[in-house]
Amino acid sequence: MIFAAILMAATFLTGIIWLVDLVFLKSKKKPEQKDHIIIEYAKSFFPILLLVFVIRTFIVEPFKIPSGSMMPTLIAGDFIAVNKFSYGLRLPVFNIELIPTGLPERGEVFVFHYPKDPSIDYIKRVIGLPGDEIRYEAKELFVNGELVSKKFTDNYLYNMNDFQVANAKEYVETLGSHEYSILIHDLPDNDYQFTVPAGHYLAMGDNRDNSSDSRVWGFVPEEYLVGKAWVIWLNFSEPSRMGDLIK
């Protein structure tokens, strides 16, 4: 959000300088007279800033995965593209919806402003829609009283940090029209039960026992939606992941 504010301010400022020069100053300048250096830079950078601003605000935004909370779907170091058009065209920084284009579906991966600190963006999976009753009990997920299907596929080893290796079980879970992998650890866990309020969403990480999500900090307000996670476009340590669509 901080970068969005800086980009918007820079685009607005260079645009104003460009407009003032075009309307008021250009006709008064002599042919041999050079632009002031500030005007010259503004005229050079404004088209580029405007293009980046429009693309990043309304079409697609890059996002880097910072942790392992969405493993195995996404791993730390993945650079992904977020479809900004999925959940409505929104005014940057203020996040006011200008044109509605859609809402999140159960099972899809979405990016949103962290409810406790909107300057930070989070990525999780949509588990509960407004009005849903969600129960997570003994590692089983229930949506509106129905058990969400999952099938064991394999054991999954990964490095939690430089000194600790985690041993989890990988399952394929099916929620709505979405089928994706999740990790379950053989660790004790609390049981949770929620009713999702109107205008909010319940988010959970695919790494179910290693994710700070709605079970910890609550629901995601609709006005905090950023976009739908779309594709992995870069990973320096695992190039084979590049181009993978996010399920």
C-alpha atoms as a PDB file:
ATOM      1  CA  MET A   1       0.000   0.000   0.000  1.00  0.00           C
ATOM      2  CA  ILE A   2       2.917   2.357   0.697  1.00  0.00           C
ATOM      3  CA  PHE A   3       4.311   1.768  -2.806  1.00  0.00           C
ATOM      4  CA  ALA A   4       0.829   2.362  -4.274  1.00  0.00           C
ATOM      5  CA  ALA A   5       0.613   5.702  -2.449  1.00  0.00           C
ATOM      6  CA  ILE A   6       4.064   6.772  -3.681  1.00  0.00           C
ATOM      7  CA  LEU A   7       3.245   5.708  -7.244  1.00  0.00           C
ATOM      8  CA  MET A   8      -0.073   7.570  -7.210  1.00  0.00           C
ATOM      9  CA  ALA A   9       1.539  10.731  -5.802  1.00  0.00           C
ATOM     10  CA  ALA A  10       4.388  10.622  -8.343  1.00  0.00           C
ATOM     11  CA  THR A  11       1.974  10.075 -11.242  1.00  0.00           C
ATOM     12  CA  PHE A  12      -0.277  12.906 -10.074  1.00  0.00           C
ATOM     13  CA  LEU A  13       2.610  15.345  -9.522  1.00  0.00           C
ATOM     14  CA  THR A  14       4.340  14.702 -12.857  1.00  0.00           C
ATOM     15  CA  GLY A  15       0.950  14.817 -14.595  1.00  0.00           C
ATOM     16  CA  ILE A  16       0.176  18.244 -13.132  1.00  0.00           C
ATOM     17  CA  ILE A  17       3.575  19.596 -14.236  1.00  0.00           C
ATOM     18  CA  TRP A  18       3.080  18.117 -17.717  1.00  0.00           C
ATOM     19  CA  LEU A  19      -0.412  19.665 -17.974  1.00  0.00           C
ATOM     20  CA  VAL A  20       0.700  23.101 -16.756  1.00  0.00           C
ATOM     21  CA  ASP A  21       3.527  23.107 -19.285  1.00  0.00           C
ATOM     22  CA  LEU A  22       1.201  22.018 -22.102  1.00  0.00           C
ATOM     23  CA  VAL A  23      -1.561  24.545 -21.342  1.00  0.00           C
ATOM     24  CA  PHE A  24       0.261  27.584 -19.957  1.00  0.00           C
ATOM     25  CA  LEU A  25       4.003  27.488 -20.573  1.00  0.00           C
ATOM     26  CA  LYS A  26       4.571  25.859 -23.950  1.00  0.00           C
ATOM     27  CA  SER A  27       3.003  28.705 -25.976  1.00  0.00           C
ATOM     28  CA  LYS A  28       5.101  31.332 -24.163  1.00  0.00           C
ATOM     29  CA  LYS A  29       8.474  29.671 -24.696  1.00  0.00           C
ATOM     30  CA  LYS A  30      10.834  30.750 -27.428  1.00  0.00           C
ATOM     31  CA  PRO A  31      11.867  28.024 -29.910  1.00  0.00           C
ATOM     32  CA  GLU A  32      15.457  27.967 -28.633  1.00  0.00           C
ATOM     33  CA  GLN A  33      14.440  28.052 -24.962  1.00  0.00           C
ATOM     34  CA  LYS A  34      14.949  24.793 -23.072  1.00  0.00           C
ATOM     35  CA  ASP A  35      12.583  23.393 -20.474  1.00  0.00           C
ATOM     36  CA  HIS A  36      13.460  23.720 -16.814  1.00  0.00           C
ATOM     37  CA  ILE A  37      15.042  20.481 -15.619  1.00  0.00           C
ATOM     38  CA  ILE A  38      12.011  19.703 -13.380  1.00  0.00           C
ATOM     39  CA  ILE A  39       9.633  20.111 -16.325  1.00  0.00           C
ATOM     40  CA  GLU A  40      11.919  18.025 -18.537  1.00  0.00           C
ATOM     41  CA  TYR A  41      12.006  15.157 -16.037  1.00  0.00           C
ATOM     42  CA  ALA A  42       8.247  15.364 -15.421  1.00  0.00           C
ATOM     43  CA  LYS A  43       7.491  15.172 -19.141  1.00  0.00           C
ATOM     44  CA  SER A  44       9.834  12.193 -19.515  1.00  0.00           C
ATOM     45  CA  PHE A  45       8.563  10.184 -16.565  1.00  0.00           C
ATOM     46  CA  PHE A  46       4.828  10.959 -16.634  1.00  0.00           C
ATOM     47  CA  PRO A  47       3.890   8.565 -19.508  1.00  0.00           C
ATOM     48  CA  ILE A  48       5.870   5.732 -17.905  1.00  0.00           C
ATOM     49  CA  LEU A  49       4.434   6.355 -14.439  1.00  0.00           C
ATOM     50  CA  LEU A  50       0.909   6.611 -15.854  1.00  0.00           C
ATOM     51  CA  LEU A  51       1.264   3.292 -17.688  1.00  0.00           C
ATOM     52  CA  VAL A  52       2.631   1.511 -14.599  1.00  0.00           C
ATOM     53  CA  PHE A  53      -0.061   3.108 -12.438  1.00  0.00           C
ATOM     54  CA  VAL A  54      -2.924   1.963 -14.687  1.00  0.00           C
ATOM     55  CA  ILE A  55      -1.585  -1.587 -15.102  1.00  0.00           C
ATOM     56  CA  ARG A  56      -0.756  -2.062 -11.418  1.00  0.00           C
ATOM     57  CA  THR A  57      -3.975  -0.479 -10.164  1.00  0.00           C
ATOM     58  CA  PHE A  58      -6.557  -1.976 -12.489  1.00  0.00           C
ATOM     59  CA  ILE A  59      -5.076  -4.987 -14.297  1.00  0.00           C
ATOM     60  CA  VAL A  60      -2.266  -6.935 -12.611  1.00  0.00           C
ATOM     61  CA  GLU A  61       0.023  -6.441  -9.611  1.00  0.00           C
ATOM     62  CA  PRO A  62       3.199  -8.366  -8.667  1.00  0.00           C
ATOM     63  CA  PHE A  63       3.406  -9.979  -5.243  1.00  0.00           C
ATOM     64  CA  LYS A  64       6.219 -11.924  -3.571  1.00  0.00           C
ATOM     65  CA  ILE A  65       5.404 -14.854  -1.286  1.00  0.00           C
ATOM     66  CA  PRO A  66       7.161 -14.094   2.019  1.00  0.00           C
ATOM     67  CA  SER A  67       6.555 -17.295   4.005  1.00  0.00           C
ATOM     68  CA  GLY A  68       5.539 -20.948   3.880  1.00  0.00           C
ATOM     69  CA  SER A  69       1.951 -20.468   5.075  1.00  0.00           C
ATOM     70  CA  MET A  70       0.559 -21.349   1.621  1.00  0.00           C
ATOM     71  CA  MET A  71       2.709 -24.435   1.023  1.00  0.00           C
ATOM     72  CA  PRO A  72       2.598 -26.585  -1.024  1.00  0.00           C
ATOM     73  CA  THR A  73       0.611 -24.361  -3.403  1.00  0.00           C
ATOM     74  CA  LEU A  74       2.998 -21.428  -3.005  1.00  0.00           C
ATOM     75  CA  ILE A  75       6.457 -21.378  -1.459  1.00  0.00           C
ATOM     76  CA  ALA A  76       8.587 -18.562  -0.059  1.00  0.00           C
ATOM     77  CA  GLY A  77      10.351 -16.878  -2.959  1.00  0.00           C
ATOM     78  CA  ASP A  78       7.573 -17.294  -5.526  1.00  0.00           C
ATOM     79  CA  PHE A  79       6.779 -14.115  -7.423  1.00  0.00           C
ATOM     80  CA  ILE A  80       3.158 -14.170  -8.480  1.00  0.00           C
ATOM     81  CA  ALA A  81       0.821 -12.008 -10.562  1.00  0.00           C
ATOM     82  CA  VAL A  82      -2.428 -10.882  -8.935  1.00  0.00           C
ATOM     83  CA  ASN A  83      -5.453 -10.236 -11.133  1.00  0.00           C
ATOM     84  CA  LYS A  84      -6.731  -6.835  -9.936  1.00  0.00           C
ATOM     85  CA  PHE A  85      -9.797  -6.986 -12.208  1.00  0.00           C
ATOM     86  CA  SER A  86     -11.353  -9.973 -10.400  1.00  0.00           C
ATOM     87  CA  TYR A  87     -12.865  -8.186  -7.405  1.00  0.00           C
ATOM     88  CA  GLY A  88     -13.762  -4.809  -8.865  1.00  0.00           C
ATOM     89  CA  LEU A  89     -11.856  -1.764 -10.065  1.00  0.00           C
ATOM     90  CA  ARG A  90     -10.785   0.095  -6.940  1.00  0.00           C
ATOM     91  CA  LEU A  91      -9.283   3.496  -6.274  1.00  0.00           C
ATOM     92  CA  PRO A  92      -5.723   2.863  -5.028  1.00  0.00           C
ATOM     93  CA  VAL A  93      -4.716   3.660  -1.447  1.00  0.00           C
ATOM     94  CA  PHE A  94      -8.318   4.494  -0.482  1.00  0.00           C
ATOM     95  CA  ASN A  95      -9.501   1.106  -1.856  1.00  0.00           C
ATOM     96  CA  ILE A  96     -12.894   2.532  -2.848  1.00  0.00           C
ATOM     97  CA  GLU A  97     -14.690   0.348  -5.404  1.00  0.00           C
ATOM     98  CA  LEU A  98     -15.345   2.202  -8.658  1.00  0.00           C
ATOM     99  CA  ILE A  99     -16.754  -0.597 -10.826  1.00  0.00           C
ATOM    100  CA  PRO A 100     -17.864  -3.995  -9.427  1.00  0.00           C
ATOM    101  CA  THR A 101     -16.573  -6.927 -11.484  1.00  0.00           C
ATOM    102  CA  GLY A 102     -16.917  -9.914  -9.145  1.00  0.00           C
ATOM    103  CA  LEU A 103     -16.364 -11.369  -5.680  1.00  0.00           C
ATOM    104  CA  PRO A 104     -14.178 -14.166  -4.263  1.00  0.00           C
ATOM    105  CA  GLU A 105     -15.292 -17.786  -4.578  1.00  0.00           C
ATOM    106  CA  ARG A 106     -14.758 -20.527  -2.033  1.00  0.00           C
ATOM    107  CA  GLY A 107     -11.477 -22.282  -2.665  1.00  0.00           C
ATOM    108  CA  GLU A 108      -9.630 -19.629  -4.637  1.00  0.00           C
ATOM    109  CA  VAL A 109      -6.415 -17.939  -3.536  1.00  0.00           C
ATOM    110  CA  PHE A 110      -6.725 -14.218  -2.902  1.00  0.00           C
ATOM    111  CA  VAL A 111      -4.598 -11.254  -1.828  1.00  0.00           C
ATOM    112  CA  PHE A 112      -5.942  -8.718   0.647  1.00  0.00           C
ATOM    113  CA  HIS A 113      -4.875  -5.992   3.030  1.00  0.00           C
ATOM    114  CA  TYR A 114      -4.113  -7.464   6.450  1.00  0.00           C
ATOM    115  CA  PRO A 115      -7.034  -6.421   8.710  1.00  0.00           C
ATOM    116  CA  LYS A 116      -4.740  -5.614  11.650  1.00  0.00           C
ATOM    117  CA  ASP A 117      -2.439  -3.432   9.514  1.00  0.00           C
ATOM    118  CA  PRO A 118      -3.828  -2.543   6.048  1.00  0.00           C
ATOM    119  CA  SER A 119      -0.397  -1.350   4.896  1.00  0.00           C
ATOM    120  CA  ILE A 120       0.608  -5.038   4.691  1.00  0.00           C
ATOM    121  CA  ASP A 121      -0.749  -7.422   2.043  1.00  0.00           C
ATOM    122  CA  TYR A 122      -1.508 -11.065   2.884  1.00  0.00           C
ATOM    123  CA  ILE A 123      -2.266 -14.074   0.683  1.00  0.00           C
ATOM    124  CA  LYS A 124      -4.490 -16.968   1.773  1.00  0.00           C
ATOM    125  CA  ARG A 125      -7.274 -19.200   0.452  1.00  0.00           C
ATOM    126  CA  VAL A 126     -10.942 -18.247   0.629  1.00  0.00           C
ATOM    127  CA  ILE A 127     -12.659 -20.761   2.913  1.00  0.00           C
ATOM    128  CA  GLY A 128     -15.783 -18.948   4.078  1.00  0.00           C
ATOM    129  CA  LEU A 129     -18.103 -16.532   2.265  1.00  0.00           C
ATOM    130  CA  PRO A 130     -20.436 -14.056   3.986  1.00  0.00           C
ATOM    131  CA  GLY A 131     -23.011 -15.970   6.022  1.00  0.00           C
ATOM    132  CA  ASP A 132     -21.125 -19.298   5.971  1.00  0.00           C
ATOM    133  CA  GLU A 133     -20.760 -21.419   9.079  1.00  0.00           C
ATOM    134  CA  ILE A 134     -17.211 -22.731   9.237  1.00  0.00           C
ATOM    135  CA  ARG A 135     -15.974 -25.411  11.616  1.00  0.00           C
ATOM    136  CA  TYR A 136     -12.414 -26.742  11.841  1.00  0.00           C
ATOM    137  CA  GLU A 137     -12.357 -29.722  14.168  1.00  0.00           C
ATOM    138  CA  ALA A 138      -9.708 -32.442  14.594  1.00  0.00           C
ATOM    139  CA  LYS A 139      -8.017 -31.268  11.372  1.00  0.00           C
ATOM    140  CA  GLU A 140     -11.296 -31.616   9.443  1.00  0.00           C
ATOM    141  CA  LEU A 141     -12.952 -28.688   7.690  1.00  0.00           C
ATOM    142  CA  PHE A 142     -16.728 -28.280   7.629  1.00  0.00           C
ATOM    143  CA  VAL A 143     -18.550 -25.640   5.569  1.00  0.00           C
ATOM    144  CA  ASN A 144     -22.211 -25.133   6.421  1.00  0.00           C
ATOM    145  CA  GLY A 145     -22.266 -28.480   8.190  1.00  0.00           C
ATOM    146  CA  GLU A 146     -20.766 -30.461   5.300  1.00  0.00           C
ATOM    147  CA  LEU A 147     -17.366 -32.131   5.557  1.00  0.00           C
ATOM    148  CA  VAL A 148     -14.930 -30.837   2.942  1.00  0.00           C
ATOM    149  CA  SER A 149     -13.429 -33.789   1.077  1.00  0.00           C
ATOM    150  CA  LYS A 150      -9.694 -34.426   1.267  1.00  0.00           C
ATOM    151  CA  LYS A 151      -7.528 -37.353   0.147  1.00  0.00           C
ATOM    152  CA  PHE A 152      -4.055 -38.276   1.382  1.00  0.00           C
ATOM    153  CA  THR A 153      -1.393 -38.170  -1.334  1.00  0.00           C
ATOM    154  CA  ASP A 154       2.061 -38.381   0.273  1.00  0.00           C
ATOM    155  CA  ASN A 155       4.368 -37.357   3.096  1.00  0.00           C
ATOM    156  CA  TYR A 156       5.884 -33.902   2.652  1.00  0.00           C
ATOM    157  CA  LEU A 157       9.239 -32.787   4.075  1.00  0.00           C
ATOM    158  CA  TYR A 158      10.314 -29.156   4.057  1.00  0.00           C
ATOM    159  CA  ASN A 159      12.677 -26.810   5.866  1.00  0.00           C
ATOM    160  CA  MET A 160      10.863 -24.636   8.395  1.00  0.00           C
ATOM    161  CA  ASN A 161      14.119 -22.739   8.975  1.00  0.00           C
ATOM    162  CA  ASP A 162      17.879 -23.312   8.726  1.00  0.00           C
ATOM    163  CA  PHE A 163      17.833 -25.768  11.627  1.00  0.00           C
ATOM    164  CA  GLN A 164      14.465 -27.531  11.574  1.00  0.00           C
ATOM    165  CA  VAL A 165      12.881 -29.914   9.067  1.00  0.00           C
ATOM    166  CA  ALA A 166       9.100 -30.318   9.208  1.00  0.00           C
ATOM    167  CA  ASN A 167       7.326 -33.569   8.383  1.00  0.00           C
ATOM    168  CA  ALA A 168       3.772 -33.048   7.159  1.00  0.00           C
ATOM    169  CA  LYS A 169       1.132 -35.039   5.309  1.00  0.00           C
ATOM    170  CA  GLU A 170      -0.053 -33.721   1.958  1.00  0.00           C
ATOM    171  CA  TYR A 171      -3.734 -33.982   1.060  1.00  0.00           C
ATOM    172  CA  VAL A 172      -5.766 -32.923  -1.949  1.00  0.00           C
ATOM    173  CA  GLU A 173      -8.771 -30.945  -0.748  1.00  0.00           C
ATOM    174  CA  THR A 174     -11.845 -30.097  -2.831  1.00  0.00           C
ATOM    175  CA  LEU A 175     -13.841 -26.987  -1.993  1.00  0.00           C
ATOM    176  CA  GLY A 176     -16.492 -25.891  -4.465  1.00  0.00           C
ATOM    177  CA  SER A 177     -14.998 -26.101  -7.944  1.00  0.00           C
ATOM    178  CA  HIS A 178     -11.433 -25.826  -6.659  1.00  0.00           C
ATOM    179  CA  GLU A 179      -9.073 -28.752  -6.024  1.00  0.00           C
ATOM    180  CA  TYR A 180      -5.742 -28.000  -4.347  1.00  0.00           C
ATOM    181  CA  SER A 181      -3.103 -29.430  -2.000  1.00  0.00           C
ATOM    182  CA  ILE A 182      -2.842 -28.730   1.721  1.00  0.00           C
ATOM    183  CA  LEU A 183      -0.417 -29.761   4.464  1.00  0.00           C
ATOM    184  CA  ILE A 184      -1.406 -31.239   7.813  1.00  0.00           C
ATOM    185  CA  HIS A 185       1.099 -31.749  10.630  1.00  0.00           C
ATOM    186  CA  ASP A 186       0.870 -34.354  13.357  1.00  0.00           C
ATOM    187  CA  LEU A 187       0.564 -31.672  16.024  1.00  0.00           C
ATOM    188  CA  PRO A 188      -2.155 -30.829  18.536  1.00  0.00           C
ATOM    189  CA  ASP A 189      -4.437 -28.037  17.411  1.00  0.00           C
ATOM    190  CA  ASN A 190      -7.426 -26.076  18.647  1.00  0.00           C
ATOM    191  CA  ASP A 191     -10.913 -26.502  17.231  1.00  0.00           C
ATOM    192  CA  TYR A 192     -12.615 -23.469  15.714  1.00  0.00           C
ATOM    193  CA  GLN A 193     -16.148 -22.497  14.799  1.00  0.00           C
ATOM    194  CA  PHE A 194     -17.147 -19.280  13.044  1.00  0.00           C
ATOM    195  CA  THR A 195     -20.102 -17.610  11.380  1.00  0.00           C
ATOM    196  CA  VAL A 196     -18.764 -15.284   8.693  1.00  0.00           C
ATOM    197  CA  PRO A 197     -20.410 -11.839   8.992  1.00  0.00           C
ATOM    198  CA  ALA A 198     -21.903  -9.995   6.028  1.00  0.00           C
ATOM    199  CA  GLY A 199     -19.318  -8.266   3.851  1.00  0.00           C
ATOM    200  CA  HIS A 200     -16.449 -10.405   5.159  1.00  0.00           C
ATOM    201  CA  TYR A 201     -14.472 -13.526   4.205  1.00  0.00           C
ATOM    202  CA  LEU A 202     -12.736 -16.261   6.181  1.00  0.00           C
ATOM    203  CA  ALA A 203      -9.191 -17.000   5.022  1.00  0.00           C
ATOM    204  CA  MET A 204      -6.939 -19.957   5.787  1.00  0.00           C
ATOM    205  CA  GLY A 205      -3.463 -20.960   4.654  1.00  0.00           C
ATOM    206  CA  ASP A 206      -2.872 -24.238   2.812  1.00  0.00           C
ATOM    207  CA  ASN A 207      -0.173 -25.069   5.367  1.00  0.00           C
ATOM    208  CA  ARG A 208      -2.920 -25.500   7.928  1.00  0.00           C
ATOM    209  CA  ASP A 209      -0.771 -25.940  11.036  1.00  0.00           C
ATOM    210  CA  ASN A 210       1.749 -23.252  10.112  1.00  0.00           C
ATOM    211  CA  SER A 211      -0.409 -20.306   9.077  1.00  0.00           C
ATOM    212  CA  SER A 212      -1.532 -17.133  10.802  1.00  0.00           C
ATOM    213  CA  ASP A 213      -4.970 -16.590   9.287  1.00  0.00           C
ATOM    214  CA  SER A 214      -8.613 -15.913  10.152  1.00  0.00           C
ATOM    215  CA  ARG A 215      -8.405 -18.430  12.982  1.00  0.00           C
ATOM    216  CA  VAL A 216      -5.981 -16.014  14.667  1.00  0.00           C
ATOM    217  CA  TRP A 217      -6.828 -12.466  13.543  1.00  0.00           C
ATOM    218  CA  GLY A 218     -10.401 -12.626  12.276  1.00  0.00           C
ATOM    219  CA  PHE A 219     -12.239 -11.991   9.028  1.00  0.00           C
ATOM    220  CA  VAL A 220     -11.241 -10.102   5.870  1.00  0.00           C
ATOM    221  CA  PRO A 221     -13.512  -7.110   5.104  1.00  0.00           C
ATOM    222  CA  GLU A 222     -14.673  -6.857   1.495  1.00  0.00           C
ATOM    223  CA  GLU A 223     -13.156  -3.380   1.168  1.00  0.00           C
ATOM    224  CA  TYR A 224      -9.712  -4.878   1.896  1.00  0.00           C
ATOM    225  CA  LEU A 225      -9.735  -7.157  -1.167  1.00  0.00           C
ATOM    226  CA  VAL A 226      -6.808  -6.679  -3.564  1.00  0.00           C
ATOM    227  CA  GLY A 227      -7.191  -9.384  -6.199  1.00  0.00           C
ATOM    228  CA  LYS A 228      -7.139 -13.031  -7.199  1.00  0.00           C
ATOM    229  CA  ALA A 229      -3.800 -14.849  -7.293  1.00  0.00           C
ATOM    230  CA  TRP A 230      -3.254 -15.875 -10.902  1.00  0.00           C
ATOM    231  CA  VAL A 231       0.159 -17.253 -11.918  1.00  0.00           C
ATOM    232  CA  ILE A 232       3.727 -17.780 -10.687  1.00  0.00           C
ATOM    233  CA  TRP A 233       5.889 -15.696 -12.997  1.00  0.00           C
ATOM    234  CA  LEU A 234       9.289 -16.076 -11.315  1.00  0.00           C
ATOM    235  CA  ASN A 235      11.169 -18.160  -8.783  1.00  0.00           C
ATOM    236  CA  PHE A 236      14.952 -17.858  -8.679  1.00  0.00           C
ATOM    237  CA  SER A 237      15.569 -21.078  -6.710  1.00  0.00           C
ATOM    238  CA  GLU A 238      13.018 -23.233  -8.598  1.00  0.00           C
ATOM    239  CA  PRO A 239      12.696 -21.976 -12.199  1.00  0.00           C
ATOM    240  CA  SER A 240      10.453 -24.931 -13.096  1.00  0.00           C
ATOM    241  CA  ARG A 241       7.625 -23.278 -11.141  1.00  0.00           C
ATOM    242  CA  MET A 242       7.556 -20.328 -13.534  1.00  0.00           C
ATOM    243  CA  GLY A 243       4.297 -20.198 -15.498  1.00  0.00           C
ATOM    244  CA  ASP A 244       2.370 -22.432 -13.084  1.00  0.00           C
ATOM    245  CA  LEU A 245      -1.233 -21.309 -12.694  1.00  0.00           C
ATOM    246  CA  ILE A 246      -2.357 -20.954  -9.080  1.00  0.00           C
ATOM    247  CA  LYS A 247      -5.143 -23.395  -8.247  1.00  0.00           C
END
